[in-house]
Amino acid sequence: MKNILLITIYIMLNLNSCISSQNYNNKIKTDIFNNLINENYKLVIKDLKRTCNLCIPYKDLIETKIELAFSYYKVNKLEKSILIINKLLKYKELKNYDYLLYMKGLINILLHSKNKKSIFTFEENRDNSKLKIAFNSFKELIENYPNSVYYNSSIKKLNYIKDKIALNEILKIKYFLDNRYYLSSLNRSIEFIKNFQDTSLVYYAVIYARHSCEKLSLNEILKNFNKILDSNIDNFIKLKLIKK
C-alpha cells in the first residue's frame, strides 16, 4: 500500500511538471519563432536547448533536435550539428529521414572544404573521408527517397562530389607518373577507369596509363589502352578534351 502511494505521488508530481513545462514551452516557442524571423540563431539555439530539457512529447522532441541541428549549421557549428544528425539517423522510421541525410551530406561537404587547400594541387595526405561520407549520404537518399524534395539537389551534389574525388585521384596518378612511380600510376589509372568512367577526366587516366605502360614496356597492356582510346575518340572530342 505504501509503495502504491509513493508511485501515485511520483506520477502526480511528473504530471504537474509536464503541465507547467507545457505552459513554459509555449512561451519558448514564441521566442523561437520571433528569433527565427530575425535570424538570430544563437538565441534560437539557446531556446531549443531549453526545450529539449522539458517534458514534451517524443515527436516534439525529435522536431526540436532537428531544428537545433539546423540552427547549429546556420551559425557554422558544423561538428555539433552533425553530432545531432548522426544520432537521429539511427532511427530510420523518422518521417524527416531524407532531410537528415541531405543535411549530413551538405555538412560533410562543408567540413571537407574547411580543411582543404588548393584543389588543383595534389597533397599526398589529403583526407577525402568527409567527401565520401557526403557521397554515401546523397546516394542513400537518391536510392531510397525518389519522391523527396531533396532528390534533384542530391543528384547535383552527388555529381559535384564525384568530380571532386575524380580530380584528386587524377592528380594522384599524375603525381606518381611525374615521380616515376609507373606501376603505382598504372594501377591507379586502371582503378580510375573502373570507378570514374562517366567523368570527363577518364581521358587523362587512359593517357597516363598508356604512358606508364610505355615506361614499363608492357606492350600487350599498352595495346588494350590504345584500343580504349581509339574506340572512344568521338566521346572525348564531344567532351572537348581533344581538338579536331
Protein backbone atom coordinates (compact mmCIF):
# COMPACT_ATOMS: atom_id res chain seq x y z
CA MET A 1 0.00 0.00 0.00
CA LYS A 2 2.83 2.34 0.87
CA ASN A 3 4.58 1.57 -2.44
CA ILE A 4 1.39 2.23 -4.39
CA LEU A 5 1.00 5.58 -2.66
CA LEU A 6 4.59 6.55 -3.46
CA ILE A 7 4.14 5.61 -7.11
CA THR A 8 0.92 7.64 -7.29
CA ILE A 9 2.62 10.70 -5.79
CA TYR A 10 5.53 10.29 -8.25
CA ILE A 11 3.15 10.17 -11.22
CA MET A 12 1.23 13.22 -10.00
CA LEU A 13 4.41 15.22 -9.50
CA ASN A 14 5.61 14.37 -13.00
CA LEU A 15 2.21 15.16 -14.45
CA ASN A 16 2.20 18.57 -12.79
CA SER A 17 5.74 19.10 -14.02
CA CYS A 18 4.67 18.28 -17.57
CA ILE A 19 1.71 20.69 -17.37
CA SER A 20 3.89 23.54 -16.14
CA SER A 21 6.54 22.60 -18.69
CA GLN A 22 3.93 22.77 -21.45
CA ASN A 23 2.97 26.32 -20.44
CA TYR A 24 6.63 27.26 -20.30
CA ASN A 25 7.21 25.55 -23.65
CA ASN A 26 4.54 27.70 -25.32
CA LYS A 27 6.46 30.81 -24.29
CA ILE A 28 9.71 29.37 -25.64
CA LYS A 29 8.01 28.53 -28.96
CA THR A 30 7.01 32.18 -29.29
CA ASP A 31 10.57 33.27 -28.55
CA ILE A 32 11.96 30.78 -31.09
CA PHE A 33 9.53 31.98 -33.76
CA ASN A 34 10.49 35.63 -33.21
CA ASN A 35 14.21 34.86 -33.21
CA LEU A 36 13.87 32.81 -36.40
CA ILE A 37 12.20 35.75 -38.13
CA ASN A 38 15.12 37.94 -37.06
CA GLU A 39 17.60 35.16 -37.99
CA ASN A 40 19.08 35.29 -34.51
CA TYR A 41 20.14 31.65 -34.49
CA LYS A 42 22.27 31.92 -31.34
CA LEU A 43 19.16 32.75 -29.31
CA VAL A 44 17.23 30.07 -31.21
CA ILE A 45 19.84 27.52 -30.12
CA LYS A 46 19.56 28.67 -26.51
CA ASP A 47 15.76 28.27 -26.55
CA LEU A 48 15.86 24.92 -28.36
CA LYS A 49 18.32 23.51 -25.82
CA ARG A 50 15.95 24.59 -23.04
CA THR A 51 13.06 22.92 -24.86
CA CYS A 52 14.96 19.62 -25.08
CA ASN A 53 15.08 19.53 -21.28
CA LEU A 54 11.33 19.99 -20.88
CA CYS A 55 8.68 17.32 -20.50
CA ILE A 56 7.49 17.31 -24.13
CA PRO A 57 6.10 14.54 -26.39
CA TYR A 58 8.61 12.34 -28.24
CA LYS A 59 7.52 13.71 -31.63
CA ASP A 60 8.12 17.30 -30.47
CA LEU A 61 11.48 16.33 -29.00
CA ILE A 62 12.62 14.90 -32.35
CA GLU A 63 11.45 18.03 -34.19
CA THR A 64 13.28 20.19 -31.66
CA LYS A 65 16.52 18.26 -32.14
CA ILE A 66 16.22 18.59 -35.93
CA GLU A 67 15.68 22.35 -35.57
CA LEU A 68 18.66 22.51 -33.21
CA ALA A 69 20.87 20.71 -35.74
CA PHE A 70 19.80 23.17 -38.45
CA SER A 71 20.46 26.16 -36.17
CA TYR A 72 23.96 24.90 -35.36
CA TYR A 73 24.51 24.58 -39.12
CA LYS A 74 23.39 28.19 -39.64
CA VAL A 75 25.93 29.53 -37.12
CA ASN A 76 28.67 27.32 -38.63
CA LYS A 77 28.95 24.98 -35.64
CA LEU A 78 29.09 22.07 -38.04
CA GLU A 79 30.54 19.47 -35.66
CA LYS A 80 27.69 19.98 -33.18
CA SER A 81 25.13 19.84 -35.98
CA ILE A 82 26.46 16.59 -37.45
CA LEU A 83 26.63 15.01 -33.98
CA ILE A 84 22.88 15.50 -33.51
CA ILE A 85 22.11 14.37 -37.07
CA ASN A 86 24.14 11.16 -36.74
CA LYS A 87 22.24 10.27 -33.56
CA LEU A 88 18.87 10.91 -35.22
CA LEU A 89 19.81 8.84 -38.28
CA LYS A 90 19.82 5.74 -36.10
CA TYR A 91 16.01 5.90 -36.26
CA LYS A 92 15.09 5.06 -39.85
CA GLU A 93 11.37 5.38 -39.13
CA LEU A 94 11.61 9.17 -38.79
CA LYS A 95 9.47 11.00 -41.35
CA ASN A 96 12.24 13.55 -41.93
CA TYR A 97 14.89 10.91 -42.59
CA ASP A 98 15.54 12.16 -46.13
CA TYR A 99 16.11 15.68 -44.81
CA LEU A 100 18.62 14.36 -42.25
CA LEU A 101 20.51 12.50 -44.99
CA TYR A 102 20.57 15.66 -47.09
CA MET A 103 21.88 17.75 -44.18
CA LYS A 104 24.51 15.10 -43.40
CA GLY A 105 25.77 15.27 -46.97
CA LEU A 106 25.73 19.05 -47.05
CA ILE A 107 27.57 19.46 -43.74
CA ASN A 108 30.25 16.92 -44.64
CA ILE A 109 30.96 18.83 -47.87
CA LEU A 110 31.46 21.96 -45.77
CA LEU A 111 33.65 20.11 -43.25
CA HIS A 112 35.81 18.90 -46.13
CA SER A 113 36.06 22.42 -47.55
CA LYS A 114 37.23 23.82 -44.19
CA ASN A 115 40.29 21.55 -44.21
CA LYS A 116 41.27 21.66 -47.86
CA LYS A 117 43.93 23.68 -49.63
CA SER A 118 44.02 24.18 -53.39
CA ILE A 119 42.03 21.58 -55.30
CA PHE A 120 44.42 21.89 -58.24
CA THR A 121 47.49 20.52 -56.44
CA PHE A 122 47.99 17.03 -55.13
CA GLU A 123 48.50 16.59 -51.40
CA GLU A 124 49.72 13.10 -50.54
CA ASN A 125 47.97 13.12 -47.16
CA ARG A 126 44.75 14.78 -48.31
CA ASP A 127 41.75 13.40 -46.45
CA ASN A 128 38.69 12.80 -48.61
CA SER A 129 36.77 10.89 -45.92
CA LYS A 130 34.22 13.70 -45.42
CA LEU A 131 33.51 13.85 -49.15
CA LYS A 132 32.98 10.09 -49.22
CA ILE A 133 30.56 10.29 -46.28
CA ALA A 134 28.67 13.04 -48.11
CA PHE A 135 28.66 10.95 -51.30
CA ASN A 136 27.15 7.95 -49.49
CA SER A 137 24.53 10.14 -47.77
CA PHE A 138 23.28 11.61 -51.05
CA LYS A 139 23.44 8.19 -52.68
CA GLU A 140 21.26 6.68 -49.92
CA LEU A 141 18.74 9.49 -50.30
CA ILE A 142 18.56 9.06 -54.09
CA GLU A 143 18.16 5.28 -53.87
CA ASN A 144 15.53 5.24 -51.12
CA TYR A 145 13.62 8.52 -51.44
CA PRO A 146 12.89 9.17 -55.15
CA ASN A 147 9.96 11.44 -54.22
CA SER A 148 11.93 13.55 -51.78
CA VAL A 149 12.02 17.32 -52.32
CA TYR A 150 15.81 16.97 -51.91
CA TYR A 151 16.11 14.33 -54.67
CA ASN A 152 17.17 16.58 -57.58
CA SER A 153 19.53 18.63 -55.46
CA SER A 154 21.11 15.41 -54.15
CA ILE A 155 21.81 14.23 -57.70
CA LYS A 156 23.59 17.50 -58.49
CA LYS A 157 25.62 17.35 -55.30
CA LEU A 158 26.47 13.69 -55.89
CA ASN A 159 27.89 14.56 -59.31
CA TYR A 160 29.75 17.52 -57.80
CA ILE A 161 31.38 15.26 -55.20
CA LYS A 162 32.23 12.65 -57.79
CA ASP A 163 34.02 15.28 -59.89
CA LYS A 164 35.94 16.48 -56.82
CA ILE A 165 37.07 12.98 -55.89
CA ALA A 166 37.91 12.21 -59.53
CA LEU A 167 40.05 15.35 -59.79
CA ASN A 168 42.01 14.42 -56.68
CA GLU A 169 42.52 10.87 -57.97
CA ILE A 170 43.76 12.07 -61.36
CA LEU A 171 46.20 14.42 -59.61
CA LYS A 172 47.50 11.44 -57.64
CA ILE A 173 48.02 9.48 -60.85
CA LYS A 174 49.93 12.37 -62.41
CA TYR A 175 51.97 12.81 -59.22
CA PHE A 176 53.12 9.17 -59.33
CA LEU A 177 53.78 9.41 -63.05
CA ASP A 178 55.86 12.59 -62.72
CA ASN A 179 57.89 11.00 -59.92
CA ARG A 180 58.47 7.81 -61.95
CA TYR A 181 56.31 5.52 -59.83
CA TYR A 182 54.99 4.00 -63.03
CA LEU A 183 53.43 0.86 -61.57
CA SER A 184 51.53 2.86 -58.94
CA SER A 185 50.40 5.28 -61.62
CA LEU A 186 49.23 2.43 -63.83
CA ASN A 187 47.31 0.66 -61.05
CA ARG A 188 45.57 3.88 -60.04
CA SER A 189 44.73 4.63 -63.68
CA ILE A 190 43.06 1.24 -64.03
CA GLU A 191 41.04 1.81 -60.83
CA PHE A 192 40.09 5.27 -62.02
CA ILE A 193 38.78 3.93 -65.34
CA LYS A 194 36.64 1.40 -63.45
CA ASN A 195 35.20 3.87 -60.95
CA PHE A 196 35.01 7.14 -62.90
CA GLN A 197 34.34 6.09 -66.49
CA ASP A 198 31.39 8.51 -66.69
CA THR A 199 33.55 11.56 -65.91
CA SER A 200 35.45 13.66 -68.44
CA LEU A 201 38.74 13.03 -66.59
CA VAL A 202 38.75 9.38 -67.67
CA TYR A 203 40.52 10.51 -70.85
CA TYR A 204 43.55 11.60 -68.82
CA ALA A 205 43.55 8.32 -66.91
CA VAL A 206 43.85 6.44 -70.21
CA ILE A 207 46.66 8.74 -71.40
CA TYR A 208 48.58 8.34 -68.13
CA ALA A 209 48.05 4.56 -68.22
CA ARG A 210 49.47 4.40 -71.75
CA HIS A 211 52.49 6.42 -70.69
CA SER A 212 53.11 4.13 -67.70
CA CYS A 213 52.85 1.06 -69.92
CA GLU A 214 55.41 2.54 -72.31
CA LYS A 215 57.83 3.17 -69.45
CA LEU A 216 57.30 -0.34 -68.05
CA SER A 217 57.48 -1.96 -71.52
CA LEU A 218 54.07 -3.56 -71.02
CA ASN A 219 53.32 -3.72 -74.72
CA GLU A 220 50.28 -6.02 -74.61
CA ILE A 221 48.54 -3.90 -71.98
CA LEU A 222 49.51 -0.80 -73.97
CA LYS A 223 47.64 -2.20 -76.97
CA ASN A 224 44.49 -2.51 -74.85
CA PHE A 225 44.69 1.11 -73.76
CA ASN A 226 45.25 2.19 -77.38
CA LYS A 227 42.05 0.34 -78.29
CA ILE A 228 40.16 2.09 -75.49
CA LEU A 229 41.43 5.45 -76.70
CA ASP A 230 40.62 4.76 -80.36
CA SER A 231 37.14 3.38 -79.69
CA ASN A 232 36.19 6.36 -77.51
CA ILE A 233 37.82 9.13 -79.53
CA ASP A 234 34.45 10.58 -80.60
CA ASN A 235 33.29 10.80 -76.99
CA PHE A 236 36.49 12.56 -75.98
CA ILE A 237 36.06 15.05 -78.84
CA LYS A 238 32.49 15.76 -77.66
CA LEU A 239 33.85 16.44 -74.19
CA LYS A 240 36.26 18.92 -75.86
CA LEU A 241 39.25 17.12 -74.40
CA ILE A 242 40.76 16.65 -77.84
CA LYS A 243 40.68 19.25 -80.57
CA LYS A 244 39.60 18.07 -84.02
